[in-house]
PDB file of N, CA and C in Angstrom:
ATOM      1  N   UNK A   1       0.828  -1.175   0.000  1.00  0.00           N
ATOM      2  CA  UNK A   1       0.000   0.000   0.000  1.00  0.00           C
ATOM      3  C   UNK A   1       0.883   1.252   0.000  1.00  0.00           C
ATOM      4  N   UNK A   2       0.490   2.223  -0.794  1.00  0.00           N
ATOM      5  CA  UNK A   2       1.257   3.454  -0.984  1.00  0.00           C
ATOM      6  C   UNK A   2       0.972   4.427   0.157  1.00  0.00           C
ATOM      7  N   UNK A   3       2.025   5.028   0.791  1.00  0.00           N
ATOM      8  CA  UNK A   3       1.771   5.968   1.876  1.00  0.00           C
ATOM      9  C   UNK A   3       1.163   7.268   1.342  1.00  0.00           C
ATOM     10  N   UNK A   4       0.322   7.893   2.144  1.00  0.00           N
ATOM     11  CA  UNK A   4      -0.325   9.157   1.768  1.00  0.00           C
ATOM     12  C   UNK A   4       0.711  10.292   1.879  1.00  0.00           C
ATOM     13  N   UNK A   5       0.781  11.126   0.866  1.00  0.00           N
ATOM     14  CA  UNK A   5       1.713  12.259   0.958  1.00  0.00           C
ATOM     15  C   UNK A   5       1.224  13.259   2.014  1.00  0.00           C
ATOM     16  N   UNK A   6       2.160  13.915   2.664  1.00  0.00           N
ATOM     17  CA  UNK A   6       1.780  14.894   3.685  1.00  0.00           C
ATOM     18  C   UNK A   6       1.175  16.129   3.019  1.00  0.00           C
ATOM     19  N   UNK A   7       0.495  16.932   3.790  1.00  0.00           N
ATOM     20  CA  UNK A   7      -0.181  18.113   3.245  1.00  0.00           C
ATOM     21  C   UNK A   7       0.819  19.125   2.701  1.00  0.00           C
ATOM     22  N   UNK A   8       1.994  19.245   3.300  1.00  0.00           N
ATOM     23  CA  UNK A   8       2.969  20.218   2.843  1.00  0.00           C
ATOM     24  C   UNK A   8       3.529  19.848   1.475  1.00  0.00           C
ATOM     25  N   UNK A   9       3.605  18.582   1.167  1.00  0.00           N
ATOM     26  CA  UNK A   9       4.098  18.173  -0.147  1.00  0.00           C
ATOM     27  C   UNK A   9       3.099  18.525  -1.242  1.00  0.00           C
ATOM     28  N   UNK A  10       1.831  18.581  -0.912  1.00  0.00           N
ATOM     29  CA  UNK A  10       0.810  18.913  -1.897  1.00  0.00           C
ATOM     30  C   UNK A  10       0.689  20.406  -2.142  1.00  0.00           C
ATOM     31  N   UNK A  11       1.228  21.232  -1.246  1.00  0.00           N
ATOM     32  CA  UNK A  11       1.100  22.680  -1.389  1.00  0.00           C
ATOM     33  C   UNK A  11       2.003  23.178  -2.510  1.00  0.00           C
ATOM     34  N   UNK A  12       1.450  23.971  -3.414  1.00  0.00           N
ATOM     35  CA  UNK A  12       2.314  24.568  -4.429  1.00  0.00           C
ATOM     36  C   UNK A  12       3.153  25.672  -3.789  1.00  0.00           C
ATOM     37  N   UNK A  13       4.359  25.931  -4.291  1.00  0.00           N
ATOM     38  CA  UNK A  13       5.173  27.009  -3.727  1.00  0.00           C
ATOM     39  C   UNK A  13       4.491  28.348  -3.971  1.00  0.00           C
ATOM     40  N   UNK A  14       4.506  29.215  -2.976  1.00  0.00           N
ATOM     41  CA  UNK A  14       3.843  30.508  -3.118  1.00  0.00           C
ATOM     42  C   UNK A  14       4.853  31.628  -3.020  1.00  0.00           C
ATOM     43  N   UNK A  15       4.620  32.644  -3.791  1.00  0.00           N
ATOM     44  CA  UNK A  15       5.427  33.854  -3.731  1.00  0.00           C
ATOM     45  C   UNK A  15       4.740  34.872  -2.826  1.00  0.00           C
ATOM     46  N   UNK A  16       3.487  34.645  -2.538  1.00  0.00           N
ATOM     47  CA  UNK A  16       2.707  35.639  -1.816  1.00  0.00           C
ATOM     48  C   UNK A  16       3.180  35.811  -0.388  1.00  0.00           C
ATOM     49  N   UNK A  17       3.824  34.825   0.188  1.00  0.00           N
ATOM     50  CA  UNK A  17       4.361  34.961   1.531  1.00  0.00           C
ATOM     51  C   UNK A  17       5.400  36.068   1.592  1.00  0.00           C
ATOM     52  N   UNK A  18       6.284  36.133   0.598  1.00  0.00           N
ATOM     53  CA  UNK A  18       7.289  37.182   0.550  1.00  0.00           C
ATOM     54  C   UNK A  18       6.662  38.535   0.283  1.00  0.00           C
ATOM     55  N   UNK A  19       5.689  38.589  -0.604  1.00  0.00           N
ATOM     56  CA  UNK A  19       5.019  39.853  -0.893  1.00  0.00           C
ATOM     57  C   UNK A  19       4.301  40.385   0.337  1.00  0.00           C
ATOM     58  N   UNK A  20       3.643  39.498   1.072  1.00  0.00           N
ATOM     59  CA  UNK A  20       2.934  39.891   2.278  1.00  0.00           C
ATOM     60  C   UNK A  20       3.919  40.425   3.307  1.00  0.00           C
ATOM     61  N   UNK A  21       5.047  39.722   3.468  1.00  0.00           N
ATOM     62  CA  UNK A  21       6.054  40.145   4.439  1.00  0.00           C
ATOM     63  C   UNK A  21       6.646  41.505   4.041  1.00  0.00           C
ATOM     64  N   UNK A  22       6.914  41.713   2.762  1.00  0.00           N
ATOM     65  CA  UNK A  22       7.452  42.991   2.292  1.00  0.00           C
ATOM     66  C   UNK A  22       6.460  44.128   2.520  1.00  0.00           C
ATOM     67  N   UNK A  23       5.178  43.854   2.290  1.00  0.00           N
ATOM     68  CA  UNK A  23       4.148  44.876   2.517  1.00  0.00           C
ATOM     69  C   UNK A  23       4.051  45.215   4.002  1.00  0.00           C
ATOM     70  N   UNK A  24       4.125  44.213   4.857  1.00  0.00           N
ATOM     71  CA  UNK A  24       4.080  44.454   6.296  1.00  0.00           C
ATOM     72  C   UNK A  24       5.276  45.296   6.746  1.00  0.00           C
ATOM     73  N   UNK A  25       6.449  44.988   6.223  1.00  0.00           N
ATOM     74  CA  UNK A  25       7.652  45.737   6.568  1.00  0.00           C
ATOM     75  C   UNK A  25       7.532  47.186   6.104  1.00  0.00           C
ATOM     76  N   UNK A  26       7.052  47.380   4.874  1.00  0.00           N
ATOM     77  CA  UNK A  26       6.875  48.743   4.353  1.00  0.00           C
ATOM     78  C   UNK A  26       5.883  49.525   5.193  1.00  0.00           C
ATOM     79  N   UNK A  27       4.760  48.909   5.550  1.00  0.00           N
ATOM     80  CA  UNK A  27       3.754  49.587   6.356  1.00  0.00           C
ATOM     81  C   UNK A  27       4.294  49.940   7.735  1.00  0.00           C
ATOM     82  N   UNK A  28       5.076  49.042   8.340  1.00  0.00           N
ATOM     83  CA  UNK A  28       5.670  49.304   9.649  1.00  0.00           C
ATOM     84  C   UNK A  28       6.623  50.493   9.569  1.00  0.00           C
ATOM     85  N   UNK A  29       7.479  50.494   8.539  1.00  0.00           N
ATOM     86  CA  UNK A  29       8.442  51.586   8.399  1.00  0.00           C
ATOM     87  C   UNK A  29       7.741  52.905   8.118  1.00  0.00           C
ATOM     88  N   UNK A  30       6.672  52.871   7.341  1.00  0.00           N
ATOM     89  CA  UNK A  30       5.921  54.092   7.051  1.00  0.00           C
ATOM     90  C   UNK A  30       5.272  54.638   8.317  1.00  0.00           C
ATOM     91  N   UNK A  31       4.674  53.767   9.115  1.00  0.00           N
ATOM     92  CA  UNK A  31       3.994  54.193  10.340  1.00  0.00           C
ATOM     93  C   UNK A  31       4.969  54.766  11.368  1.00  0.00           C
ATOM     94  N   UNK A  32       6.224  54.303  11.346  1.00  0.00           N
ATOM     95  CA  UNK A  32       7.213  54.744  12.329  1.00  0.00           C
ATOM     96  C   UNK A  32       8.210  55.751  11.767  1.00  0.00           C
ATOM     97  N   UNK A  33       7.909  56.320  10.594  1.00  0.00           N
ATOM     98  CA  UNK A  33       8.748  57.332   9.949  1.00  0.00           C
ATOM     99  C   UNK A  33      10.182  56.840   9.761  1.00  0.00           C
ATOM    100  N   UNK A  34      10.299  55.631   9.218  1.00  0.00           N
ATOM    101  CA  UNK A  34      11.597  55.036   8.940  1.00  0.00           C
ATOM    102  C   UNK A  34      11.806  54.963   7.432  1.00  0.00           C
ATOM    103  N   UNK A  35      13.049  54.919   7.018  1.00  0.00           N
ATOM    104  CA  UNK A  35      13.384  54.799   5.597  1.00  0.00           C
ATOM    105  C   UNK A  35      12.903  53.450   5.083  1.00  0.00           C
ATOM    106  N   UNK A  36      12.260  53.419   3.932  1.00  0.00           N
ATOM    107  CA  UNK A  36      11.768  52.164   3.352  1.00  0.00           C
ATOM    108  C   UNK A  36      12.925  51.239   2.981  1.00  0.00           C
ATOM    109  N   UNK A  37      14.070  51.811   2.619  1.00  0.00           N
ATOM    110  CA  UNK A  37      15.191  51.010   2.130  1.00  0.00           C
ATOM    111  C   UNK A  37      16.027  50.409   3.252  1.00  0.00           C
ATOM    112  N   UNK A  38      16.431  51.244   4.238  1.00  0.00           N
ATOM    113  CA  UNK A  38      17.393  50.769   5.237  1.00  0.00           C
ATOM    114  C   UNK A  38      16.803  50.625   6.638  1.00  0.00           C
ATOM    115  N   UNK A  39      15.667  51.255   6.905  1.00  0.00           N
ATOM    116  CA  UNK A  39      15.032  51.131   8.213  1.00  0.00           C
ATOM    117  C   UNK A  39      15.498  52.159   9.231  1.00  0.00           C
ATOM    118  N   UNK A  40      16.411  53.058   8.859  1.00  0.00           N
ATOM    119  CA  UNK A  40      16.846  54.106   9.775  1.00  0.00           C
ATOM    120  C   UNK A  40      15.817  55.225   9.795  1.00  0.00           C
ATOM    121  N   UNK A  41      15.918  56.103  10.799  1.00  0.00           N
ATOM    122  CA  UNK A  41      14.981  57.223  10.916  1.00  0.00           C
ATOM    123  C   UNK A  41      15.064  58.076   9.647  1.00  0.00           C
ATOM    124  N   UNK A  42      13.903  58.396   9.100  1.00  0.00           N
ATOM    125  CA  UNK A  42      13.859  59.157   7.858  1.00  0.00           C
ATOM    126  C   UNK A  42      13.788  60.639   8.183  1.00  0.00           C
ATOM    127  N   UNK A  43      14.695  61.398   7.577  1.00  0.00           N
ATOM    128  CA  UNK A  43      14.725  62.853   7.689  1.00  0.00           C
ATOM    129  C   UNK A  43      14.825  63.402   6.272  1.00  0.00           C
ATOM    130  N   UNK A  44      14.536  64.696   6.085  1.00  0.00           N
ATOM    131  CA  UNK A  44      14.530  65.236   4.718  1.00  0.00           C
ATOM    132  C   UNK A  44      15.802  64.978   3.904  1.00  0.00           C
ATOM    133  N   UNK A  45      16.972  65.013   4.484  1.00  0.00           N
ATOM    134  CA  UNK A  45      18.214  64.807   3.734  1.00  0.00           C
ATOM    135  C   UNK A  45      18.702  63.359   3.784  1.00  0.00           C
ATOM    136  N   UNK A  46      17.899  62.448   4.308  1.00  0.00           N
ATOM    137  CA  UNK A  46      18.305  61.055   4.435  1.00  0.00           C
ATOM    138  C   UNK A  46      18.554  60.397   3.084  1.00  0.00           C
ATOM    139  N   UNK A  47      17.857  60.822   2.065  1.00  0.00           N
ATOM    140  CA  UNK A  47      17.989  60.230   0.724  1.00  0.00           C
ATOM    141  C   UNK A  47      19.440  60.324   0.245  1.00  0.00           C
ATOM    142  N   UNK A  48      20.132  61.395   0.599  1.00  0.00           N
ATOM    143  CA  UNK A  48      21.506  61.598   0.145  1.00  0.00           C
ATOM    144  C   UNK A  48      22.499  60.671   0.836  1.00  0.00           C
ATOM    145  N   UNK A  49      22.184  60.213   2.052  1.00  0.00           N
ATOM    146  CA  UNK A  49      23.149  59.414   2.814  1.00  0.00           C
ATOM    147  C   UNK A  49      22.729  57.956   2.983  1.00  0.00           C
ATOM    148  N   UNK A  50      21.561  57.578   2.507  1.00  0.00           N
ATOM    149  CA  UNK A  50      21.067  56.208   2.677  1.00  0.00           C
ATOM    150  C   UNK A  50      21.972  55.236   1.923  1.00  0.00           C
ATOM    151  N   UNK A  51      22.510  54.267   2.641  1.00  0.00           N
ATOM    152  CA  UNK A  51      23.455  53.321   2.049  1.00  0.00           C
ATOM    153  C   UNK A  51      22.773  52.307   1.129  1.00  0.00           C
ATOM    154  N   UNK A  52      21.517  51.958   1.395  1.00  0.00           N
ATOM    155  CA  UNK A  52      20.850  50.918   0.607  1.00  0.00           C
ATOM    156  C   UNK A  52      20.031  51.464  -0.553  1.00  0.00           C
ATOM    157  N   UNK A  53      19.863  52.767  -0.617  1.00  0.00           N
ATOM    158  CA  UNK A  53      19.060  53.361  -1.685  1.00  0.00           C
ATOM    159  C   UNK A  53      19.846  53.335  -2.990  1.00  0.00           C
ATOM    160  N   UNK A  54      19.172  53.025  -4.075  1.00  0.00           N
ATOM    161  CA  UNK A  54      19.808  53.031  -5.391  1.00  0.00           C
ATOM    162  C   UNK A  54      20.169  54.458  -5.765  1.00  0.00           C
ATOM    163  N   UNK A  55      21.399  54.652  -6.142  1.00  0.00           N
ATOM    164  CA  UNK A  55      21.863  55.974  -6.550  1.00  0.00           C
ATOM    165  C   UNK A  55      21.530  56.179  -8.022  1.00  0.00           C
ATOM    166  N   UNK A  56      21.094  57.389  -8.352  1.00  0.00           N
ATOM    167  CA  UNK A  56      20.772  57.663  -9.752  1.00  0.00           C
ATOM    168  C   UNK A  56      22.065  57.931 -10.516  1.00  0.00           C
ATOM    169  N   UNK A  57      22.061  57.573 -11.768  1.00  0.00           N
ATOM    170  CA  UNK A  57      23.220  57.745 -12.624  1.00  0.00           C
ATOM    171  C   UNK A  57      22.829  58.611 -13.811  1.00  0.00           C
ATOM    172  N   UNK A  58      23.773  59.412 -14.248  1.00  0.00           N
ATOM    173  CA  UNK A  58      23.560  60.224 -15.431  1.00  0.00           C
ATOM    174  C   UNK A  58      24.434  59.650 -16.538  1.00  0.00           C
ATOM    175  N   UNK A  59      23.796  59.307 -17.613  1.00  0.00           N
ATOM    176  CA  UNK A  59      24.521  58.794 -18.766  1.00  0.00           C
ATOM    177  C   UNK A  59      24.500  59.852 -19.857  1.00  0.00           C
ATOM    178  N   UNK A  60      25.632  60.046 -20.505  1.00  0.00           N
ATOM    179  CA  UNK A  60      25.705  61.041 -21.575  1.00  0.00           C
ATOM    180  C   UNK A  60      26.453  60.454 -22.758  1.00  0.00           C
ATOM    181  N   UNK A  61      26.075  60.891 -23.906  1.00  0.00           N
ATOM    182  CA  UNK A  61      26.740  60.484 -25.132  1.00  0.00           C
ATOM    183  C   UNK A  61      27.259  61.753 -25.793  1.00  0.00           C
ATOM    184  N   UNK A  62      28.563  61.812 -26.011  1.00  0.00           N
ATOM    185  CA  UNK A  62      29.169  62.981 -26.623  1.00  0.00           C
ATOM    186  C   UNK A  62      29.483  62.644 -28.071  1.00  0.00           C
ATOM    187  N   UNK A  63      28.982  63.472 -28.932  1.00  0.00           N
ATOM    188  CA  UNK A  63      29.213  63.275 -30.356  1.00  0.00           C
ATOM    189  C   UNK A  63      30.123  64.402 -30.833  1.00  0.00           C
ATOM    190  N   UNK A  64      31.212  64.043 -31.476  1.00  0.00           N
ATOM    191  CA  UNK A  64      32.144  65.052 -31.971  1.00  0.00           C
ATOM    192  C   UNK A  64      32.258  64.948 -33.478  1.00  0.00           C
ATOM    193  N   UNK A  65      32.849  65.962 -34.037  1.00  0.00           N
ATOM    194  CA  UNK A  65      33.060  65.998 -35.482  1.00  0.00           C
ATOM    195  C   UNK A  65      34.473  65.548 -35.843  1.00  0.00           C
ATOM    196  N   UNK A  66      35.166  64.862 -34.943  1.00  0.00           N
ATOM    197  CA  UNK A  66      36.549  64.475 -35.207  1.00  0.00           C
ATOM    198  C   UNK A  66      36.679  63.476 -36.340  1.00  0.00           C
ATOM    199  N   UNK A  67      35.654  62.708 -36.600  1.00  0.00           N
ATOM    200  CA  UNK A  67      35.718  61.705 -37.647  1.00  0.00           C
ATOM    201  C   UNK A  67      35.422  62.264 -39.033  1.00  0.00           C
ATOM    202  N   UNK A  68      34.998  63.511 -39.098  1.00  0.00           N
ATOM    203  CA  UNK A  68      34.654  64.097 -40.396  1.00  0.00           C
ATOM    204  C   UNK A  68      35.891  64.678 -41.069  1.00  0.00           C
ATOM    205  N   UNK A  69      35.887  64.610 -42.374  1.00  0.00           N
ATOM    206  CA  UNK A  69      36.984  65.188 -43.158  1.00  0.00           C
ATOM    207  C   UNK A  69      36.784  66.696 -43.218  1.00  0.00           C
ATOM    208  N   UNK A  70      37.858  67.425 -42.977  1.00  0.00           N
ATOM    209  CA  UNK A  70      37.760  68.886 -43.027  1.00  0.00           C
ATOM    210  C   UNK A  70      37.734  69.347 -44.481  1.00  0.00           C
ATOM    211  N   UNK A  71      36.675  70.039 -44.826  1.00  0.00           N
ATOM    212  CA  UNK A  71      36.571  70.647 -46.145  1.00  0.00           C
ATOM    213  C   UNK A  71      35.894  72.000 -45.970  1.00  0.00           C
ATOM    214  N   UNK A  72      35.646  72.666 -47.034  1.00  0.00           N
ATOM    215  CA  UNK A  72      35.085  74.024 -46.969  1.00  0.00           C
ATOM    216  C   UNK A  72      33.708  74.049 -46.294  1.00  0.00           C
ATOM    217  N   UNK A  73      32.861  73.061 -46.566  1.00  0.00           N
ATOM    218  CA  UNK A  73      31.524  73.019 -45.969  1.00  0.00           C
ATOM    219  C   UNK A  73      31.587  72.847 -44.451  1.00  0.00           C
ATOM    220  N   UNK A  74      32.447  71.964 -43.994  1.00  0.00           N
ATOM    221  CA  UNK A  74      32.582  71.717 -42.560  1.00  0.00           C
ATOM    222  C   UNK A  74      33.107  72.964 -41.859  1.00  0.00           C
ATOM    223  N   UNK A  75      34.090  73.625 -42.442  1.00  0.00           N
ATOM    224  CA  UNK A  75      34.636  74.847 -41.855  1.00  0.00           C
ATOM    225  C   UNK A  75      33.568  75.945 -41.786  1.00  0.00           C
ATOM    226  N   UNK A  76      32.723  76.036 -42.802  1.00  0.00           N
ATOM    227  CA  UNK A  76      31.627  77.019 -42.787  1.00  0.00           C
ATOM    228  C   UNK A  76      30.623  76.700 -41.675  1.00  0.00           C
ATOM    229  N   UNK A  77      30.287  75.408 -41.522  1.00  0.00           N
ATOM    230  CA  UNK A  77      29.363  75.014 -40.453  1.00  0.00           C
ATOM    231  C   UNK A  77      29.933  75.368 -39.078  1.00  0.00           C
ATOM    232  N   UNK A  78      31.229  75.091 -38.885  1.00  0.00           N
ATOM    233  CA  UNK A  78      31.871  75.402 -37.614  1.00  0.00           C
ATOM    234  C   UNK A  78      31.878  76.902 -37.346  1.00  0.00           C
ATOM    235  N   UNK A  79      32.110  77.698 -38.368  1.00  0.00           N
ATOM    236  CA  UNK A  79      32.112  79.155 -38.215  1.00  0.00           C
ATOM    237  C   UNK A  79      30.714  79.652 -37.851  1.00  0.00           C
ATOM    238  N   UNK A  80      29.697  79.093 -38.488  1.00  0.00           N
ATOM    239  CA  UNK A  80      28.313  79.482 -38.179  1.00  0.00           C
ATOM    240  C   UNK A  80      27.959  79.097 -36.749  1.00  0.00           C
ATOM    241  N   UNK A  81      28.314  77.870 -36.334  1.00  0.00           N
ATOM    242  CA  UNK A  81      28.039  77.428 -34.960  1.00  0.00           C
ATOM    243  C   UNK A  81      28.731  78.328 -33.946  1.00  0.00           C
ATOM    244  N   UNK A  82      29.973  78.697 -34.231  1.00  0.00           N
ATOM    245  CA  UNK A  82      30.724  79.555 -33.319  1.00  0.00           C
ATOM    246  C   UNK A  82      30.094  80.938 -33.237  1.00  0.00           C
ATOM    247  N   UNK A  83      29.672  81.470 -34.358  1.00  0.00           N
ATOM    248  CA  UNK A  83      29.030  82.787 -34.372  1.00  0.00           C
ATOM    249  C   UNK A  83      27.716  82.767 -33.600  1.00  0.00           C
ATOM    250  N   UNK A  84      26.942  81.688 -33.764  1.00  0.00           N
ATOM    251  CA  UNK A  84      25.669  81.593 -33.042  1.00  0.00           C
ATOM    252  C   UNK A  84      25.882  81.519 -31.540  1.00  0.00           C
ATOM    253  N   UNK A  85      26.875  80.762 -31.093  1.00  0.00           N
ATOM    254  CA  UNK A  85      27.119  80.643 -29.650  1.00  0.00           C
ATOM    255  C   UNK A  85      27.610  81.956 -29.073  1.00  0.00           C
ATOM    256  N   UNK A  86      28.368  82.737 -29.864  1.00  0.00           N
ATOM    257  CA  UNK A  86      28.817  84.037 -29.379  1.00  0.00           C
ATOM    258  C   UNK A  86      27.655  85.021 -29.291  1.00  0.00           C
ATOM    259  N   UNK A  87      26.735  84.974 -30.245  1.00  0.00           N
ATOM    260  CA  UNK A  87      25.597  85.899 -30.248  1.00  0.00           C
ATOM    261  C   UNK A  87      24.563  85.572 -29.175  1.00  0.00           C
ATOM    262  N   UNK A  88      24.300  84.284 -28.957  1.00  0.00           N
ATOM    263  CA  UNK A  88      23.250  83.892 -28.030  1.00  0.00           C
ATOM    264  C   UNK A  88      23.778  83.397 -26.696  1.00  0.00           C
ATOM    265  N   UNK A  89      25.054  83.169 -26.565  1.00  0.00           N
ATOM    266  CA  UNK A  89      25.616  82.591 -25.354  1.00  0.00           C
ATOM    267  C   UNK A  89      26.044  83.561 -24.359  1.00  0.00           C
TER     268      UNK A  89
END
């Protein structure tokens, strides 16, 4: 005769336990004026010093004209750009 499987073996794995725990932690920290990320006391400038908070990054792409061949048209464009920056800058 085959043994009956226990009830825990029949339970599908749940993710909701972690979600529930995370929501409880967030609510506790909110009610006690604590940082959501690290749990320390939250003050207006805390965002700048919080060790666990994701820091924002600035990405920039610089495009130069170094790869272009210098000819009369390119020199004229550069002169126009320079004149505009002097007039409006």
